[in-house]
Amino acid sequence: MNLKQYKIYRILIVVLLSMSISISITLDNYYLPIVFVLTAWGAMYYCRHQLKTEEVMADERDYQIAGDAARYTLFIYGLVGSIGTFILMAMK
């Protein structure tokens, strides 16, 4: 399996997982999503081990950028949420 096939399979697994979880929750079955998530995890694990590449998938810089983005997102969301709460309380 090459990198392009791996990415396609990964997207396909995520799409199938989201569809199956939404259908099972719509049918009021809350135990099936656990099974679906574990199955998707196993499928992604299998696909990752079938990947025959010597390329680096991710490095420390990717994790650093993602961590910074998450920190700023939480900060901005918290700030906007608290200001919005105060405005709505004042308009009461």
Protein backbone atom coordinates (compact mmCIF):
# COMPACT_ATOMS: atom_id res chain seq x y z
CA MET A 1 0.00 0.00 0.00
CA ASN A 2 1.38 3.38 -0.91
CA LEU A 3 0.76 6.70 0.81
CA LYS A 4 -2.04 7.77 -1.55
CA GLN A 5 -3.98 4.54 -0.97
CA TYR A 6 -3.45 4.88 2.77
CA LYS A 7 -4.93 8.38 2.78
CA ILE A 8 -7.93 7.26 0.71
CA TYR A 9 -8.60 4.29 3.02
CA ARG A 10 -8.26 6.51 6.06
CA ILE A 11 -10.82 9.00 4.70
CA LEU A 12 -13.14 6.15 3.74
CA ILE A 13 -12.92 4.68 7.26
CA VAL A 14 -13.73 8.06 8.83
CA VAL A 15 -16.71 8.60 6.51
CA LEU A 16 -18.10 5.13 7.23
CA LEU A 17 -17.52 5.60 10.95
CA SER A 18 -19.35 8.91 11.07
CA MET A 19 -22.27 7.53 9.02
CA SER A 20 -22.62 4.43 11.18
CA ILE A 21 -22.41 6.39 14.43
CA SER A 22 -25.04 8.90 13.32
CA ILE A 23 -27.39 6.14 12.15
CA SER A 24 -27.00 4.14 15.36
CA ILE A 25 -27.61 7.19 17.55
CA THR A 26 -30.67 8.06 15.46
CA LEU A 27 -31.96 4.56 16.17
CA ASP A 28 -31.35 5.12 19.94
CA ASN A 29 -28.66 2.47 20.13
CA TYR A 30 -25.81 3.88 22.18
CA TYR A 31 -23.68 0.74 22.41
CA LEU A 32 -23.01 0.27 18.71
CA PRO A 33 -20.90 3.46 18.37
CA ILE A 34 -18.41 1.97 20.82
CA VAL A 35 -18.12 -1.12 18.64
CA PHE A 36 -17.83 1.02 15.51
CA VAL A 37 -15.07 3.18 17.00
CA LEU A 38 -13.09 0.12 18.08
CA THR A 39 -13.54 -1.46 14.66
CA ALA A 40 -12.41 1.74 12.91
CA TRP A 41 -9.40 1.93 15.23
CA GLY A 42 -8.49 -1.63 14.31
CA ALA A 43 -8.92 -0.93 10.59
CA MET A 44 -6.70 2.17 10.79
CA TYR A 45 -4.11 0.24 12.76
CA TYR A 46 -4.12 -2.49 10.12
CA CYS A 47 -3.84 0.04 7.29
CA ARG A 48 -0.96 1.80 9.03
CA HIS A 49 0.97 -1.44 9.31
CA GLN A 50 0.31 -2.28 5.66
CA LEU A 51 1.82 1.05 4.61
CA LYS A 52 5.14 0.45 2.92
CA THR A 53 6.96 3.75 3.04
CA GLU A 54 10.13 5.13 4.46
CA GLU A 55 8.79 8.68 4.67
CA VAL A 56 8.27 10.45 7.95
CA MET A 57 4.52 10.67 8.60
CA ALA A 58 4.74 13.43 11.21
CA ASP A 59 7.46 15.12 13.17
CA GLU A 60 7.74 17.26 16.27
CA ARG A 61 7.05 20.48 14.38
CA ASP A 62 3.63 19.19 13.31
CA TYR A 63 2.74 18.41 16.91
CA GLN A 64 4.05 21.80 18.07
CA ILE A 65 1.97 23.68 15.48
CA ALA A 66 -1.13 21.65 16.32
CA GLY A 67 -0.63 22.28 20.04
CA ASP A 68 -0.24 26.02 19.51
CA ALA A 69 -3.34 26.12 17.30
CA ALA A 70 -5.39 24.24 19.89
CA ARG A 71 -4.19 26.51 22.69
CA TYR A 72 -5.07 29.69 20.78
CA THR A 73 -8.42 28.25 19.72
CA LEU A 74 -9.38 27.43 23.30
CA PHE A 75 -8.24 30.85 24.47
CA ILE A 76 -10.23 32.70 21.82
CA TYR A 77 -13.30 30.50 22.30
CA GLY A 78 -13.20 31.02 26.07
CA LEU A 79 -12.75 34.77 25.71
CA VAL A 80 -15.59 35.15 23.20
CA GLY A 81 -17.82 32.85 25.26
CA SER A 82 -17.26 34.76 28.49
CA ILE A 83 -17.81 38.14 26.82
CA GLY A 84 -20.95 36.77 25.16
CA THR A 85 -22.21 35.49 28.50
CA PHE A 86 -21.70 38.87 30.17
CA ILE A 87 -23.45 40.65 27.29
CA LEU A 88 -26.41 38.27 27.45
CA MET A 89 -26.61 38.65 31.24
CA ALA A 90 -26.55 42.43 30.89
CA MET A 91 -29.33 42.34 28.29
CA LYS A 92 -31.52 40.33 30.65
